[in-house]
Amino acid sequence: MSNSSSSIRHFLLLALADTWQLQLLHFCLFLGISLAALLGNGLIISAVACGHHLHTPMFFFLLNLALTDLGSILTTVPKAMHNSLWDTRTISYKGCAAQLFVFLFFIGAEYYLLTIMCYDRYVSICKPLHYGTLLGSRACVHMAAAAWASAFLNALMHTANTFSLPLCHGNALGQFFCDIPHILKLSCSKSYLKELGLLVFSICLAFGWFVFIFFSYVQIFRVVLRILSEQGQHKAFSTCLPHLAVVSLFISTATFSYLKPPSISSPPLDLALSVLYSVVPPALNPLIYSLRNQELKAAVWRLMTGCFQEH
C-alpha cells in the first residue's frame, strides 16, 4: 500500500446536519427506522423458524431475506446514529473497510435472494405441477447457499480492490457510511478505473438479473390474467406486485447512485439515494411481505400472543 493511503488512520463521514437540533432529529429518524426493521424482520425470522407449517420454499427464502435486511441496516445505521448523537464524523480506516465489506455482502445477498424469490413465484404460478421438483428442499438450500457465497466473493473482490488504491485527496467521504464511489473520489491515480470497471460489470450483471425478473413477471401476469377467479387474481397480484416494487426501487436507486455523473453529484442527493437503497428496503420488506400474506400474519400473531401469555 502506498504511503499516501497508509498514512490515513480514519475517514470523515458526511455530517447529516449543521445544528444539534437537526442532528437529534436525524438520530430519532434513524432510530425509528432501525427499530421498525429489527422488530419486523425479527418477527419474520422467529415466525418462520418456529412455525413448522411455514417450512416451504417461499418462507425459507423470506427468512434469508430478513437476515440480509437485519445485517445491512445494522452495518450502516448504528454508526450514523452514534455520529449524530455525539456530533462526530470519524470512522477508522479498518472500520471503514469492514463496514464496506459487510454492507456489500448483505446488500448483494439481498439482491440475489430477491431474484430467487422471483423464480419461486414464477414456478409456483406458471409451472405449479413442477413446483415440488424444481424447488425441493435440497434445491432451495443450494440456491440460498449460492446467493450467500456469490455475495461474499463479490464483497471481498470490491473491498480488496477499493482499499488497495492509493488515496491522496484527503479523507472526507461525502456519505454517511463507507461506500465505493466516495472512496474512489479520494484516489490519486488512474488505477481507480479498474474498480470502476468492476463496478460497471457488477451493475450490468445486476441489470441482467433485473431483466430476468422483469420477463418472469411478464409471464406471471399473463398467466394470472387468464385466471377466471377474481379472488385468485387478487391473491397473485398482491404477492407479486410488492416484490416487483421492492426490486425496482432497490436496483434503480443503487444503479443511479453508483453510476451517476459526477456533475450532478451533491451531498443531499447522495444521502437521499443511499437511504432509498440501503435503509428503506430493510424497513419496508417486513411490512410488504407480512401484510400481504395471511399465513405469515397468523404465525406472527400466534408468536406474539404466545409470548404475552407466557409473561
Protein backbone atom coordinates (compact mmCIF):
# COMPACT_ATOMS: atom_id res chain seq x y z
CA MET A 1 0.00 0.00 0.00
CA SER A 2 1.28 3.47 -0.85
CA ASN A 3 2.45 5.97 1.74
CA SER A 4 -0.45 8.29 0.96
CA SER A 5 -3.11 5.75 1.81
CA SER A 6 -1.21 4.08 4.66
CA SER A 7 -0.97 7.45 6.41
CA ILE A 8 -4.77 7.66 6.64
CA ARG A 9 -5.86 6.46 10.07
CA HIS A 10 -9.52 7.40 9.78
CA PHE A 11 -12.14 8.77 7.41
CA LEU A 12 -14.62 11.59 7.94
CA LEU A 13 -18.19 10.61 7.14
CA LEU A 14 -20.84 13.03 5.91
CA ALA A 15 -22.28 15.30 8.59
CA LEU A 16 -26.04 14.84 8.38
CA ALA A 17 -26.81 18.30 9.81
CA ASP A 18 -25.17 21.51 10.96
CA THR A 19 -27.15 22.09 14.16
CA TRP A 20 -27.67 19.95 17.25
CA GLN A 21 -31.46 20.03 16.81
CA LEU A 22 -31.26 18.62 13.28
CA GLN A 23 -28.67 16.05 14.36
CA LEU A 24 -31.06 14.90 17.08
CA LEU A 25 -33.87 14.74 14.53
CA HIS A 26 -31.75 12.54 12.24
CA PHE A 27 -30.88 10.33 15.21
CA CYS A 28 -34.56 9.88 16.05
CA LEU A 29 -35.46 9.12 12.42
CA PHE A 30 -32.71 6.53 12.07
CA LEU A 31 -33.65 5.06 15.45
CA GLY A 32 -37.29 4.69 14.42
CA ILE A 33 -36.39 3.11 11.08
CA SER A 34 -33.88 0.71 12.61
CA LEU A 35 -36.29 -0.35 15.38
CA ALA A 36 -39.01 -0.97 12.80
CA ALA A 37 -36.59 -3.07 10.74
CA LEU A 38 -35.39 -5.00 13.78
CA LEU A 39 -38.91 -5.70 15.01
CA GLY A 40 -40.36 -6.62 11.62
CA ASN A 41 -37.51 -8.81 10.41
CA GLY A 42 -37.05 -10.34 13.86
CA LEU A 43 -40.73 -11.38 13.93
CA ILE A 44 -40.48 -12.88 10.45
CA ILE A 45 -37.37 -14.88 11.35
CA SER A 46 -38.93 -16.12 14.59
CA ALA A 47 -42.29 -16.96 13.00
CA VAL A 48 -40.78 -18.89 10.09
CA ALA A 49 -38.28 -20.70 12.31
CA CYS A 50 -40.90 -21.72 14.87
CA GLY A 51 -43.84 -22.35 12.55
CA HIS A 52 -43.40 -25.80 11.03
CA HIS A 53 -46.22 -25.19 8.54
CA LEU A 54 -44.16 -22.28 7.16
CA HIS A 55 -41.23 -24.51 6.23
CA THR A 56 -41.85 -24.03 2.50
CA PRO A 57 -39.55 -22.61 -0.22
CA MET A 58 -41.22 -19.18 -0.20
CA PHE A 59 -40.88 -18.70 3.55
CA PHE A 60 -37.39 -20.22 3.58
CA PHE A 61 -36.22 -17.54 1.14
CA LEU A 62 -38.16 -14.89 3.08
CA LEU A 63 -36.28 -15.89 6.24
CA ASN A 64 -32.98 -15.48 4.38
CA LEU A 65 -34.13 -12.09 3.06
CA ALA A 66 -34.97 -10.97 6.60
CA LEU A 67 -31.45 -11.95 7.70
CA THR A 68 -29.92 -9.80 4.95
CA ASP A 69 -32.19 -6.90 5.89
CA LEU A 70 -31.09 -7.08 9.52
CA GLY A 71 -27.44 -7.34 8.54
CA SER A 72 -27.46 -4.44 6.09
CA ILE A 73 -29.26 -1.97 8.35
CA LEU A 74 -27.15 -2.89 11.40
CA THR A 75 -23.99 -2.30 9.37
CA THR A 76 -24.64 1.34 8.47
CA VAL A 77 -27.35 2.91 10.65
CA PRO A 78 -25.89 2.45 14.18
CA LYS A 79 -22.68 4.27 13.21
CA ALA A 80 -24.70 7.12 11.67
CA MET A 81 -26.82 7.32 14.84
CA HIS A 82 -23.68 7.41 17.00
CA ASN A 83 -22.17 10.19 14.89
CA SER A 84 -25.37 12.25 15.04
CA LEU A 85 -25.77 11.85 18.79
CA TRP A 86 -22.14 12.53 19.71
CA ASP A 87 -21.51 15.14 16.99
CA THR A 88 -18.63 13.27 15.40
CA ARG A 89 -17.81 12.12 11.87
CA THR A 90 -14.87 9.75 12.24
CA ILE A 91 -14.59 6.08 11.36
CA SER A 92 -11.30 4.20 11.49
CA TYR A 93 -9.58 3.00 8.31
CA LYS A 94 -10.06 -0.67 9.23
CA GLY A 95 -13.58 0.05 10.44
CA CYS A 96 -14.40 1.63 7.09
CA ALA A 97 -13.05 -1.39 5.21
CA ALA A 98 -15.02 -3.76 7.45
CA GLN A 99 -18.20 -1.72 7.06
CA LEU A 100 -17.87 -1.65 3.29
CA PHE A 101 -17.27 -5.40 3.08
CA VAL A 102 -20.19 -6.34 5.36
CA PHE A 103 -22.56 -3.88 3.67
CA LEU A 104 -21.70 -5.16 0.17
CA PHE A 105 -22.06 -8.73 1.43
CA PHE A 106 -25.58 -8.26 2.80
CA ILE A 107 -26.81 -5.97 0.04
CA GLY A 108 -25.53 -8.39 -2.61
CA ALA A 109 -27.13 -11.38 -0.88
CA GLU A 110 -30.40 -9.44 -0.69
CA TYR A 111 -30.49 -8.82 -4.41
CA TYR A 112 -29.65 -12.43 -5.26
CA LEU A 113 -32.37 -13.63 -2.88
CA LEU A 114 -34.92 -11.25 -4.40
CA THR A 115 -34.09 -12.79 -7.78
CA ILE A 116 -34.54 -16.31 -6.41
CA MET A 117 -37.85 -15.30 -4.83
CA CYS A 118 -39.00 -14.11 -8.24
CA TYR A 119 -38.12 -17.55 -9.65
CA ASP A 120 -40.10 -19.12 -6.82
CA ARG A 121 -43.16 -17.01 -7.74
CA TYR A 122 -42.70 -17.86 -11.43
CA VAL A 123 -42.60 -21.61 -10.84
CA SER A 124 -45.49 -21.60 -8.35
CA ILE A 125 -47.80 -19.69 -10.73
CA CYS A 126 -46.63 -20.69 -14.22
CA LYS A 127 -45.46 -24.28 -13.54
CA PRO A 128 -47.33 -25.42 -10.43
CA LEU A 129 -47.16 -29.10 -11.35
CA HIS A 130 -43.34 -28.95 -11.37
CA TYR A 131 -43.02 -26.89 -8.19
CA GLY A 132 -42.05 -29.80 -5.94
CA THR A 133 -39.43 -30.97 -8.42
CA LEU A 134 -37.84 -27.62 -9.29
CA LEU A 135 -37.94 -26.23 -5.76
CA GLY A 136 -37.32 -29.19 -3.49
CA SER A 137 -35.63 -28.71 -0.13
CA ARG A 138 -32.17 -29.55 -1.48
CA ALA A 139 -32.55 -27.17 -4.45
CA CYS A 140 -33.66 -24.36 -2.14
CA VAL A 141 -30.66 -24.84 0.15
CA HIS A 142 -28.31 -24.90 -2.84
CA MET A 143 -29.80 -21.70 -4.28
CA ALA A 144 -29.62 -19.88 -0.94
CA ALA A 145 -26.04 -21.05 -0.40
CA ALA A 146 -25.11 -19.88 -3.91
CA ALA A 147 -26.63 -16.45 -3.17
CA TRP A 148 -24.65 -16.05 0.08
CA ALA A 149 -21.41 -17.37 -1.47
CA SER A 150 -21.71 -15.12 -4.54
CA ALA A 151 -22.36 -12.10 -2.29
CA PHE A 152 -19.31 -12.96 -0.17
CA LEU A 153 -16.99 -13.23 -3.18
CA ASN A 154 -18.39 -10.06 -4.73
CA ALA A 155 -17.93 -8.10 -1.49
CA LEU A 156 -14.41 -9.46 -0.99
CA MET A 157 -13.38 -8.57 -4.54
CA HIS A 158 -14.70 -4.99 -4.40
CA THR A 159 -13.42 -4.28 -0.88
CA ALA A 160 -9.91 -5.61 -1.57
CA ASN A 161 -9.70 -3.74 -4.85
CA THR A 162 -11.03 -0.46 -3.42
CA PHE A 163 -8.73 -0.39 -0.41
CA SER A 164 -5.68 -1.31 -2.48
CA LEU A 165 -5.91 2.08 -4.22
CA PRO A 166 -3.56 4.90 -3.17
CA LEU A 167 -5.54 7.71 -1.57
CA CYS A 168 -4.23 11.27 -1.54
CA HIS A 169 -7.27 13.55 -1.88
CA GLY A 170 -7.97 13.82 1.83
CA ASN A 171 -10.10 11.55 3.97
CA ALA A 172 -13.56 13.17 3.81
CA LEU A 173 -16.31 10.93 2.42
CA GLY A 174 -19.50 12.54 1.12
CA GLN A 175 -21.64 9.73 2.53
CA PHE A 176 -22.93 8.70 5.97
CA PHE A 177 -21.30 5.28 5.57
CA CYS A 178 -18.31 3.90 3.67
CA ASP A 179 -19.31 3.39 0.05
CA ILE A 180 -17.22 2.66 -3.04
CA PRO A 181 -17.94 5.74 -5.21
CA HIS A 182 -16.93 8.15 -2.45
CA ILE A 183 -13.73 6.25 -1.65
CA LEU A 184 -12.81 6.25 -5.34
CA LYS A 185 -13.03 10.06 -5.34
CA LEU A 186 -10.08 10.10 -2.92
CA SER A 187 -7.84 8.07 -5.22
CA CYS A 188 -4.84 9.86 -6.70
CA SER A 189 -4.06 7.52 -9.59
CA LYS A 190 -5.88 6.14 -12.60
CA SER A 191 -5.83 2.71 -11.01
CA TYR A 192 -9.33 3.55 -9.72
CA LEU A 193 -10.54 2.84 -13.28
CA LYS A 194 -10.04 -0.86 -12.57
CA GLU A 195 -12.51 -0.74 -9.68
CA LEU A 196 -14.82 1.46 -11.73
CA GLY A 197 -14.77 -1.20 -14.43
CA LEU A 198 -15.62 -3.87 -11.87
CA LEU A 199 -18.49 -1.71 -10.63
CA VAL A 200 -19.85 -1.32 -14.16
CA PHE A 201 -19.56 -5.09 -14.69
CA SER A 202 -21.41 -5.79 -11.41
CA ILE A 203 -24.14 -3.28 -12.27
CA CYS A 204 -24.55 -4.82 -15.73
CA LEU A 205 -24.80 -8.27 -14.15
CA ALA A 206 -27.39 -6.95 -11.70
CA PHE A 207 -29.29 -5.39 -14.60
CA GLY A 208 -29.24 -8.75 -16.34
CA TRP A 209 -30.87 -10.33 -13.30
CA PHE A 210 -33.41 -7.49 -13.30
CA VAL A 211 -34.27 -8.26 -16.93
CA PHE A 212 -34.79 -11.89 -15.90
CA ILE A 213 -37.08 -10.71 -13.09
CA PHE A 214 -39.00 -8.41 -15.43
CA PHE A 215 -39.67 -11.07 -18.07
CA SER A 216 -40.54 -13.60 -15.37
CA TYR A 217 -43.22 -11.23 -14.12
CA VAL A 218 -44.48 -10.70 -17.67
CA GLN A 219 -45.07 -14.45 -17.86
CA ILE A 220 -46.60 -14.46 -14.38
CA PHE A 221 -49.04 -11.66 -15.22
CA ARG A 222 -50.04 -13.37 -18.48
CA VAL A 223 -50.97 -16.49 -16.53
CA VAL A 224 -52.68 -14.52 -13.77
CA LEU A 225 -54.88 -12.61 -16.23
CA ARG A 226 -56.19 -15.94 -17.53
CA ILE A 227 -57.37 -16.92 -14.07
CA LEU A 228 -61.15 -16.71 -14.04
CA SER A 229 -61.43 -16.23 -10.29
CA GLU A 230 -61.17 -12.59 -9.27
CA GLN A 231 -60.01 -13.73 -5.84
CA GLY A 232 -57.21 -15.75 -7.42
CA GLN A 233 -56.08 -12.76 -9.47
CA HIS A 234 -56.08 -10.55 -6.39
CA LYS A 235 -54.03 -13.05 -4.40
CA ALA A 236 -51.44 -13.44 -7.17
CA PHE A 237 -51.10 -9.71 -7.78
CA SER A 238 -50.90 -8.94 -4.07
CA THR A 239 -47.99 -11.39 -3.80
CA CYS A 240 -46.08 -10.33 -6.90
CA LEU A 241 -46.54 -6.58 -7.22
CA PRO A 242 -44.95 -5.66 -3.85
CA HIS A 243 -41.96 -7.87 -4.66
CA LEU A 244 -41.55 -6.20 -8.04
CA ALA A 245 -41.81 -2.76 -6.43
CA VAL A 246 -39.07 -3.57 -3.90
CA VAL A 247 -36.73 -4.90 -6.60
CA SER A 248 -37.36 -1.89 -8.84
CA LEU A 249 -36.70 0.61 -6.05
CA PHE A 250 -33.56 -1.25 -4.96
CA ILE A 251 -31.93 -1.63 -8.36
CA SER A 252 -32.88 1.80 -9.74
CA THR A 253 -31.61 3.82 -6.78
CA ALA A 254 -28.45 1.71 -6.34
CA THR A 255 -27.60 1.89 -10.05
CA PHE A 256 -28.13 5.64 -10.24
CA SER A 257 -26.16 6.20 -7.04
CA TYR A 258 -23.15 4.22 -8.29
CA LEU A 259 -23.14 5.30 -11.95
CA LYS A 260 -24.47 8.87 -11.92
CA PRO A 261 -22.18 11.52 -13.49
CA PRO A 262 -20.03 13.47 -11.02
CA SER A 263 -21.51 16.72 -12.37
CA ILE A 264 -24.88 16.02 -10.72
CA SER A 265 -23.45 14.67 -7.50
CA SER A 266 -24.30 16.56 -4.31
CA PRO A 267 -24.43 15.61 -0.60
CA PRO A 268 -28.26 15.90 -0.33
CA LEU A 269 -28.82 13.81 -3.48
CA ASP A 270 -26.23 11.19 -2.45
CA LEU A 271 -27.80 10.97 1.02
CA ALA A 272 -31.33 10.56 -0.36
CA LEU A 273 -30.29 7.86 -2.84
CA SER A 274 -28.27 5.92 -0.27
CA VAL A 275 -31.16 5.96 2.19
CA LEU A 276 -33.52 4.68 -0.53
CA TYR A 277 -31.40 1.60 -1.35
CA SER A 278 -29.71 0.88 2.00
CA VAL A 279 -32.20 1.87 4.72
CA VAL A 280 -35.73 1.92 3.27
CA PRO A 281 -35.94 -1.66 1.83
CA PRO A 282 -34.92 -3.42 5.10
CA ALA A 283 -37.61 -1.47 6.94
CA LEU A 284 -40.31 -1.91 4.29
CA ASN A 285 -39.77 -5.57 3.36
CA PRO A 286 -41.35 -6.96 6.56
CA LEU A 287 -44.43 -4.77 6.07
CA ILE A 288 -44.77 -5.63 2.39
CA TYR A 289 -44.45 -9.39 2.82
CA SER A 290 -46.23 -9.84 6.17
CA LEU A 291 -49.25 -7.64 5.42
CA ARG A 292 -49.82 -9.41 2.10
CA ASN A 293 -49.59 -12.96 3.45
CA GLN A 294 -52.30 -14.33 5.69
CA GLU A 295 -50.28 -17.37 6.77
CA LEU A 296 -47.38 -15.22 7.91
CA LYS A 297 -49.64 -12.74 9.69
CA ALA A 298 -51.32 -15.60 11.55
CA ALA A 299 -47.94 -17.09 12.52
CA VAL A 300 -46.64 -13.73 13.76
CA TRP A 301 -49.83 -13.18 15.75
CA ARG A 302 -49.56 -16.62 17.36
CA LEU A 303 -45.93 -15.93 18.19
CA MET A 304 -46.74 -12.58 19.81
CA THR A 305 -49.76 -13.82 21.75
CA GLY A 306 -47.78 -16.87 22.90
CA CYS A 307 -45.02 -14.62 24.27
CA PHE A 308 -47.54 -12.42 26.06
CA GLN A 309 -49.30 -15.43 27.61
CA GLU A 310 -46.00 -16.80 28.92
CA HIS A 311 -45.38 -13.50 30.69
